[in-house]
Amino acid sequence: MDYIEYGKKVKLHYVLKVDGEVVDSTPEGEPFVYVHGKDDIVPGLSKALENHQAGDSFQVTVQPEDGFGKIDPRARLIVYKKHLPKDIDLSIGTELTTQNEQGEKVTGRIIEIQDRSIILDTNHPYAGKKLVFDVKVLDVQ
């Protein structure tokens, strides 16, 4: 039986919980497939999967620094309302995509609304959070 190691194709099912709430999972009958070591998954989960094999089931808690990172207080972007389409929902928590000063697409959540601008938090929604994965390894090739 093959063990999970660099370059192996892995099929698995997972349930991801953040703050005790299920936020993601593989659909029934549609396993997640990735090549181990190719940076397709968060580093903490990748580390935890090493040396497991098909049939293994386990739970792993991934710390923020091995998941989506710690919250970066500098990951905020001021966007002037005049640059936004008129039909956008300008509410706290609304997610939108815009461009930064370098012209790169950036996605963020509105965290503050001012008279002429909004402030976007461009941290990943799970930055600073512990990730709890329930994993079942289905196949390793």
N, C-alpha and C. Protein backbone atom coordinates (compact mmCIF):
# COMPACT_ATOMS: atom_id res chain seq x y z
N MET A 1 0.84 -1.18 0.00
CA MET A 1 0.00 0.00 0.00
C MET A 1 0.89 1.25 0.00
N ASP A 2 0.51 2.22 -0.81
CA ASP A 2 1.31 3.45 -0.92
C ASP A 2 1.02 4.43 0.21
N TYR A 3 2.06 5.08 0.65
CA TYR A 3 1.95 6.13 1.65
C TYR A 3 1.99 7.49 0.96
N ILE A 4 1.37 8.49 1.58
CA ILE A 4 1.39 9.83 1.03
C ILE A 4 2.79 10.41 1.18
N GLU A 5 3.36 10.81 0.05
CA GLU A 5 4.66 11.45 0.02
C GLU A 5 4.73 12.32 -1.23
N TYR A 6 5.79 13.08 -1.35
CA TYR A 6 5.94 14.03 -2.46
C TYR A 6 5.66 13.37 -3.81
N GLY A 7 4.83 14.04 -4.61
CA GLY A 7 4.55 13.59 -5.97
C GLY A 7 3.43 12.58 -6.10
N LYS A 8 2.92 12.07 -4.99
CA LYS A 8 1.83 11.08 -5.05
C LYS A 8 0.50 11.78 -5.28
N LYS A 9 -0.34 11.15 -6.10
CA LYS A 9 -1.70 11.65 -6.32
C LYS A 9 -2.57 11.11 -5.19
N VAL A 10 -3.29 12.02 -4.52
CA VAL A 10 -4.07 11.66 -3.33
C VAL A 10 -5.53 12.02 -3.54
N LYS A 11 -6.42 11.08 -3.18
CA LYS A 11 -7.86 11.34 -3.17
C LYS A 11 -8.30 11.27 -1.73
N LEU A 12 -9.09 12.28 -1.32
CA LEU A 12 -9.57 12.27 0.06
C LEU A 12 -10.90 13.00 0.19
N HIS A 13 -11.56 12.71 1.28
CA HIS A 13 -12.74 13.48 1.68
C HIS A 13 -12.33 14.27 2.91
N TYR A 14 -12.90 15.47 3.05
CA TYR A 14 -12.61 16.26 4.24
C TYR A 14 -13.82 17.09 4.64
N VAL A 15 -13.85 17.45 5.90
CA VAL A 15 -14.78 18.43 6.44
C VAL A 15 -13.90 19.45 7.15
N LEU A 16 -14.10 20.74 6.84
CA LEU A 16 -13.31 21.80 7.45
C LEU A 16 -14.21 22.60 8.38
N LYS A 17 -13.77 22.73 9.63
CA LYS A 17 -14.49 23.54 10.61
C LYS A 17 -13.60 24.71 11.04
N VAL A 18 -14.24 25.87 11.16
CA VAL A 18 -13.58 27.07 11.68
C VAL A 18 -14.49 27.61 12.77
N ASP A 19 -13.93 27.83 13.94
CA ASP A 19 -14.72 28.29 15.09
C ASP A 19 -15.90 27.37 15.37
N GLY A 20 -15.70 26.05 15.17
CA GLY A 20 -16.73 25.06 15.47
C GLY A 20 -17.81 24.93 14.41
N GLU A 21 -17.73 25.70 13.34
CA GLU A 21 -18.75 25.68 12.29
C GLU A 21 -18.18 25.06 11.02
N VAL A 22 -18.94 24.17 10.39
CA VAL A 22 -18.50 23.58 9.12
C VAL A 22 -18.55 24.67 8.05
N VAL A 23 -17.39 24.93 7.43
CA VAL A 23 -17.30 25.98 6.42
C VAL A 23 -17.00 25.43 5.02
N ASP A 24 -16.58 24.16 4.96
CA ASP A 24 -16.28 23.56 3.66
C ASP A 24 -16.22 22.05 3.85
N SER A 25 -16.56 21.33 2.78
CA SER A 25 -16.42 19.88 2.78
C SER A 25 -16.49 19.39 1.34
N THR A 26 -15.99 18.20 1.12
CA THR A 26 -16.08 17.62 -0.21
C THR A 26 -17.50 17.09 -0.39
N PRO A 27 -18.09 17.29 -1.57
CA PRO A 27 -19.43 16.76 -1.81
C PRO A 27 -19.40 15.22 -1.83
N GLU A 28 -20.50 14.62 -1.43
CA GLU A 28 -20.62 13.16 -1.43
C GLU A 28 -20.31 12.63 -2.83
N GLY A 29 -19.41 11.67 -2.92
CA GLY A 29 -19.07 11.06 -4.20
C GLY A 29 -18.10 11.87 -5.04
N GLU A 30 -17.64 13.01 -4.54
CA GLU A 30 -16.68 13.84 -5.29
C GLU A 30 -15.48 14.15 -4.41
N PRO A 31 -14.53 13.22 -4.30
CA PRO A 31 -13.37 13.46 -3.44
C PRO A 31 -12.49 14.59 -3.97
N PHE A 32 -11.73 15.17 -3.06
CA PHE A 32 -10.73 16.17 -3.41
C PHE A 32 -9.50 15.40 -3.89
N VAL A 33 -8.94 15.81 -5.02
CA VAL A 33 -7.77 15.14 -5.59
C VAL A 33 -6.66 16.18 -5.73
N TYR A 34 -5.46 15.83 -5.29
CA TYR A 34 -4.32 16.75 -5.41
C TYR A 34 -3.04 15.93 -5.52
N VAL A 35 -1.96 16.60 -5.92
CA VAL A 35 -0.64 15.98 -5.96
C VAL A 35 0.12 16.49 -4.75
N HIS A 36 0.55 15.56 -3.89
CA HIS A 36 1.18 15.94 -2.62
C HIS A 36 2.51 16.67 -2.86
N GLY A 37 2.67 17.79 -2.15
CA GLY A 37 3.90 18.57 -2.22
C GLY A 37 3.88 19.66 -3.27
N LYS A 38 2.78 19.81 -3.98
CA LYS A 38 2.70 20.81 -5.05
C LYS A 38 2.00 22.09 -4.59
N ASP A 39 1.90 22.30 -3.27
CA ASP A 39 1.33 23.51 -2.69
C ASP A 39 -0.14 23.72 -3.05
N ASP A 40 -0.89 22.62 -3.24
CA ASP A 40 -2.32 22.71 -3.56
C ASP A 40 -3.19 22.83 -2.31
N ILE A 41 -2.61 22.56 -1.15
CA ILE A 41 -3.37 22.61 0.10
C ILE A 41 -2.55 23.38 1.14
N VAL A 42 -3.21 23.78 2.22
CA VAL A 42 -2.48 24.55 3.24
C VAL A 42 -1.35 23.69 3.82
N PRO A 43 -0.23 24.31 4.16
CA PRO A 43 0.95 23.56 4.62
C PRO A 43 0.69 22.66 5.83
N GLY A 44 -0.11 23.10 6.78
CA GLY A 44 -0.37 22.29 7.98
C GLY A 44 -1.10 21.00 7.66
N LEU A 45 -2.04 21.05 6.72
CA LEU A 45 -2.75 19.83 6.32
C LEU A 45 -1.81 18.93 5.53
N SER A 46 -1.01 19.52 4.66
CA SER A 46 -0.05 18.74 3.88
C SER A 46 0.88 17.95 4.79
N LYS A 47 1.41 18.65 5.82
CA LYS A 47 2.31 18.00 6.78
C LYS A 47 1.61 16.84 7.51
N ALA A 48 0.37 17.08 7.90
CA ALA A 48 -0.37 16.06 8.66
C ALA A 48 -0.69 14.84 7.81
N LEU A 49 -0.81 15.03 6.50
CA LEU A 49 -1.16 13.91 5.62
C LEU A 49 0.03 13.00 5.31
N GLU A 50 1.24 13.52 5.43
CA GLU A 50 2.42 12.71 5.09
C GLU A 50 2.43 11.40 5.85
N ASN A 51 2.79 10.35 5.13
CA ASN A 51 2.93 9.00 5.66
C ASN A 51 1.60 8.33 6.03
N HIS A 52 0.47 8.96 5.69
CA HIS A 52 -0.81 8.27 5.82
C HIS A 52 -1.04 7.46 4.56
N GLN A 53 -2.02 6.57 4.60
CA GLN A 53 -2.32 5.74 3.45
C GLN A 53 -3.83 5.62 3.28
N ALA A 54 -4.25 5.03 2.16
CA ALA A 54 -5.67 4.85 1.89
C ALA A 54 -6.32 4.11 3.06
N GLY A 55 -7.49 4.60 3.46
CA GLY A 55 -8.23 4.00 4.57
C GLY A 55 -8.04 4.74 5.88
N ASP A 56 -7.00 5.56 5.98
CA ASP A 56 -6.77 6.32 7.22
C ASP A 56 -7.80 7.44 7.37
N SER A 57 -8.30 7.58 8.58
CA SER A 57 -9.19 8.69 8.94
C SER A 57 -8.62 9.34 10.18
N PHE A 58 -8.62 10.67 10.19
CA PHE A 58 -8.07 11.37 11.36
C PHE A 58 -8.55 12.81 11.37
N GLN A 59 -8.33 13.47 12.48
CA GLN A 59 -8.63 14.89 12.61
C GLN A 59 -7.32 15.62 12.88
N VAL A 60 -7.18 16.80 12.28
CA VAL A 60 -5.98 17.60 12.50
C VAL A 60 -6.39 19.07 12.68
N THR A 61 -5.76 19.71 13.66
CA THR A 61 -5.96 21.14 13.87
C THR A 61 -4.75 21.86 13.31
N VAL A 62 -5.00 22.77 12.37
CA VAL A 62 -3.94 23.52 11.71
C VAL A 62 -3.93 24.94 12.30
N GLN A 63 -2.78 25.33 12.82
CA GLN A 63 -2.61 26.67 13.39
C GLN A 63 -2.60 27.71 12.27
N PRO A 64 -2.97 28.96 12.56
CA PRO A 64 -3.04 30.00 11.52
C PRO A 64 -1.77 30.12 10.67
N GLU A 65 -0.60 30.04 11.29
CA GLU A 65 0.63 30.22 10.52
C GLU A 65 0.88 29.07 9.53
N ASP A 66 0.22 27.92 9.72
CA ASP A 66 0.34 26.79 8.79
C ASP A 66 -0.93 26.62 7.96
N GLY A 67 -1.84 27.61 8.08
CA GLY A 67 -3.09 27.58 7.33
C GLY A 67 -3.12 28.74 6.35
N PHE A 68 -3.96 29.72 6.64
CA PHE A 68 -4.09 30.89 5.77
C PHE A 68 -3.35 32.09 6.31
N GLY A 69 -2.47 31.86 7.27
CA GLY A 69 -1.63 32.92 7.79
C GLY A 69 -2.27 33.69 8.93
N LYS A 70 -1.44 34.48 9.57
CA LYS A 70 -1.92 35.36 10.63
C LYS A 70 -2.57 36.58 9.97
N ILE A 71 -3.39 37.28 10.71
CA ILE A 71 -4.01 38.49 10.18
C ILE A 71 -2.94 39.57 10.02
N ASP A 72 -2.89 40.13 8.83
CA ASP A 72 -1.96 41.21 8.53
C ASP A 72 -2.72 42.53 8.62
N PRO A 73 -2.45 43.34 9.64
CA PRO A 73 -3.19 44.60 9.80
C PRO A 73 -2.95 45.58 8.65
N ARG A 74 -1.91 45.33 7.86
CA ARG A 74 -1.62 46.21 6.72
C ARG A 74 -2.38 45.79 5.46
N ALA A 75 -3.10 44.67 5.53
CA ALA A 75 -3.82 44.15 4.35
C ALA A 75 -5.18 44.83 4.22
N ARG A 76 -5.13 46.14 4.19
CA ARG A 76 -6.35 46.94 4.05
C ARG A 76 -6.17 47.84 2.84
N LEU A 77 -7.27 48.09 2.18
CA LEU A 77 -7.24 48.85 0.95
C LEU A 77 -8.36 49.88 0.97
N ILE A 78 -8.01 51.12 0.70
CA ILE A 78 -9.02 52.18 0.59
C ILE A 78 -9.48 52.23 -0.86
N VAL A 79 -10.80 52.17 -1.05
CA VAL A 79 -11.38 52.25 -2.40
C VAL A 79 -12.38 53.41 -2.40
N TYR A 80 -12.19 54.32 -3.33
CA TYR A 80 -13.10 55.45 -3.42
C TYR A 80 -14.39 55.02 -4.09
N LYS A 81 -15.51 55.43 -3.51
CA LYS A 81 -16.82 55.03 -4.00
C LYS A 81 -17.03 55.40 -5.47
N LYS A 82 -16.43 56.50 -5.90
CA LYS A 82 -16.60 56.94 -7.29
C LYS A 82 -16.03 55.92 -8.29
N HIS A 83 -15.15 55.02 -7.82
CA HIS A 83 -14.56 54.00 -8.69
C HIS A 83 -15.35 52.69 -8.69
N LEU A 84 -16.43 52.65 -7.94
CA LEU A 84 -17.24 51.43 -7.83
C LEU A 84 -18.50 51.53 -8.67
N PRO A 85 -18.96 50.41 -9.21
CA PRO A 85 -20.25 50.43 -9.92
C PRO A 85 -21.36 50.87 -8.96
N LYS A 86 -22.35 51.54 -9.49
CA LYS A 86 -23.44 52.09 -8.67
C LYS A 86 -24.30 51.01 -8.01
N ASP A 87 -24.35 49.81 -8.59
CA ASP A 87 -25.25 48.77 -8.09
C ASP A 87 -24.62 47.84 -7.04
N ILE A 88 -23.44 48.17 -6.54
CA ILE A 88 -22.77 47.33 -5.53
C ILE A 88 -23.39 47.56 -4.17
N ASP A 89 -23.59 46.46 -3.44
CA ASP A 89 -24.12 46.51 -2.08
C ASP A 89 -23.00 46.98 -1.15
N LEU A 90 -23.10 48.20 -0.69
CA LEU A 90 -22.08 48.75 0.20
C LEU A 90 -22.50 48.52 1.65
N SER A 91 -22.29 47.29 2.11
CA SER A 91 -22.60 46.91 3.49
C SER A 91 -21.38 46.27 4.11
N ILE A 92 -21.26 46.40 5.42
CA ILE A 92 -20.16 45.74 6.13
C ILE A 92 -20.26 44.23 5.85
N GLY A 93 -19.11 43.64 5.48
CA GLY A 93 -19.06 42.21 5.21
C GLY A 93 -19.21 41.84 3.74
N THR A 94 -19.68 42.77 2.91
CA THR A 94 -19.81 42.48 1.48
C THR A 94 -18.42 42.22 0.90
N GLU A 95 -18.31 41.16 0.10
CA GLU A 95 -17.04 40.82 -0.54
C GLU A 95 -17.04 41.37 -1.95
N LEU A 96 -15.94 41.99 -2.33
CA LEU A 96 -15.84 42.46 -3.70
C LEU A 96 -14.40 42.40 -4.19
N THR A 97 -14.27 42.41 -5.51
CA THR A 97 -12.96 42.35 -6.14
C THR A 97 -12.70 43.67 -6.85
N THR A 98 -11.49 44.18 -6.65
CA THR A 98 -11.09 45.45 -7.27
C THR A 98 -9.62 45.32 -7.66
N GLN A 99 -8.99 46.42 -8.02
CA GLN A 99 -7.57 46.40 -8.37
C GLN A 99 -6.79 47.24 -7.37
N ASN A 100 -5.58 46.77 -7.05
CA ASN A 100 -4.71 47.56 -6.18
C ASN A 100 -3.92 48.55 -7.04
N GLU A 101 -3.01 49.27 -6.42
CA GLU A 101 -2.24 50.30 -7.13
C GLU A 101 -1.35 49.72 -8.23
N GLN A 102 -1.01 48.43 -8.12
CA GLN A 102 -0.18 47.78 -9.14
C GLN A 102 -1.03 47.18 -10.27
N GLY A 103 -2.36 47.35 -10.19
CA GLY A 103 -3.24 46.82 -11.22
C GLY A 103 -3.61 45.36 -11.03
N GLU A 104 -3.23 44.77 -9.90
CA GLU A 104 -3.55 43.36 -9.63
C GLU A 104 -4.94 43.25 -9.02
N LYS A 105 -5.67 42.19 -9.37
CA LYS A 105 -6.98 41.95 -8.78
C LYS A 105 -6.83 41.58 -7.32
N VAL A 106 -7.66 42.18 -6.49
CA VAL A 106 -7.63 41.94 -5.04
C VAL A 106 -9.07 41.75 -4.57
N THR A 107 -9.28 40.70 -3.77
CA THR A 107 -10.60 40.46 -3.20
C THR A 107 -10.55 40.78 -1.72
N GLY A 108 -11.59 41.44 -1.24
CA GLY A 108 -11.65 41.79 0.17
C GLY A 108 -13.07 41.94 0.64
N ARG A 109 -13.21 42.10 1.95
CA ARG A 109 -14.51 42.30 2.58
C ARG A 109 -14.56 43.73 3.11
N ILE A 110 -15.71 44.38 2.91
CA ILE A 110 -15.88 45.73 3.42
C ILE A 110 -15.91 45.69 4.95
N ILE A 111 -15.00 46.46 5.57
CA ILE A 111 -14.98 46.50 7.04
C ILE A 111 -15.31 47.89 7.58
N GLU A 112 -15.31 48.89 6.68
CA GLU A 112 -15.64 50.24 7.11
C GLU A 112 -16.18 51.01 5.92
N ILE A 113 -17.21 51.83 6.18
CA ILE A 113 -17.80 52.66 5.14
C ILE A 113 -17.67 54.11 5.58
N GLN A 114 -17.03 54.90 4.73
CA GLN A 114 -16.85 56.32 5.02
C GLN A 114 -17.64 57.14 4.00
N ASP A 115 -17.62 58.45 4.12
CA ASP A 115 -18.40 59.30 3.22
C ASP A 115 -18.05 59.07 1.74
N ARG A 116 -16.76 59.08 1.43
CA ARG A 116 -16.33 58.99 0.03
C ARG A 116 -15.62 57.68 -0.32
N SER A 117 -15.38 56.84 0.68
CA SER A 117 -14.60 55.63 0.42
C SER A 117 -15.08 54.47 1.30
N ILE A 118 -14.55 53.31 0.96
CA ILE A 118 -14.75 52.12 1.80
C ILE A 118 -13.38 51.56 2.13
N ILE A 119 -13.30 50.81 3.19
CA ILE A 119 -12.06 50.12 3.55
C ILE A 119 -12.31 48.62 3.37
N LEU A 120 -11.43 47.98 2.59
CA LEU A 120 -11.50 46.54 2.37
C LEU A 120 -10.43 45.85 3.19
N ASP A 121 -10.79 44.75 3.82
CA ASP A 121 -9.82 43.86 4.48
C ASP A 121 -9.52 42.78 3.46
N THR A 122 -8.27 42.72 2.99
CA THR A 122 -7.90 41.76 1.95
C THR A 122 -7.25 40.49 2.51
N ASN A 123 -7.26 40.33 3.84
CA ASN A 123 -6.82 39.07 4.42
C ASN A 123 -7.77 37.97 3.98
N HIS A 124 -7.27 36.73 3.89
CA HIS A 124 -8.15 35.60 3.61
C HIS A 124 -9.18 35.53 4.74
N PRO A 125 -10.42 35.14 4.44
CA PRO A 125 -11.45 35.08 5.49
C PRO A 125 -11.06 34.20 6.68
N TYR A 126 -10.20 33.21 6.47
CA TYR A 126 -9.79 32.31 7.56
C TYR A 126 -8.41 32.65 8.11
N ALA A 127 -7.85 33.77 7.71
CA ALA A 127 -6.57 34.21 8.29
C ALA A 127 -6.76 34.42 9.78
N GLY A 128 -5.77 33.98 10.56
CA GLY A 128 -5.82 34.13 12.01
C GLY A 128 -6.67 33.09 12.70
N LYS A 129 -7.22 32.15 11.93
CA LYS A 129 -8.12 31.14 12.50
C LYS A 129 -7.46 29.76 12.51
N LYS A 130 -7.81 28.98 13.55
CA LYS A 130 -7.43 27.57 13.56
C LYS A 130 -8.37 26.82 12.63
N LEU A 131 -7.82 25.92 11.84
CA LEU A 131 -8.60 25.11 10.91
C LEU A 131 -8.64 23.69 11.45
N VAL A 132 -9.82 23.13 11.57
CA VAL A 132 -9.96 21.74 12.04
C VAL A 132 -10.49 20.91 10.88
N PHE A 133 -9.65 19.98 10.43
CA PHE A 133 -9.99 19.10 9.32
C PHE A 133 -10.30 17.70 9.83
N ASP A 134 -11.42 17.14 9.41
CA ASP A 134 -11.70 15.72 9.54
C ASP A 134 -11.41 15.14 8.17
N VAL A 135 -10.47 14.19 8.09
CA VAL A 135 -9.98 13.70 6.81
C VAL A 135 -10.14 12.19 6.72
N LYS A 136 -10.52 11.72 5.54
CA LYS A 136 -10.48 10.28 5.24
C LYS A 136 -9.74 10.14 3.92
N VAL A 137 -8.60 9.44 3.96
CA VAL A 137 -7.79 9.22 2.76
C VAL A 137 -8.42 8.05 2.00
N LEU A 138 -8.75 8.29 0.73
CA LEU A 138 -9.41 7.27 -0.09
C LEU A 138 -8.43 6.48 -0.96
N ASP A 139 -7.46 7.20 -1.53
CA ASP A 139 -6.55 6.54 -2.47
C ASP A 139 -5.24 7.31 -2.54
N VAL A 140 -4.15 6.57 -2.71
CA VAL A 140 -2.82 7.15 -2.90
C VAL A 140 -2.17 6.42 -4.06
N GLN A 141 -1.72 7.16 -5.07
CA GLN A 141 -1.08 6.54 -6.24
C GLN A 141 0.26 7.19 -6.55
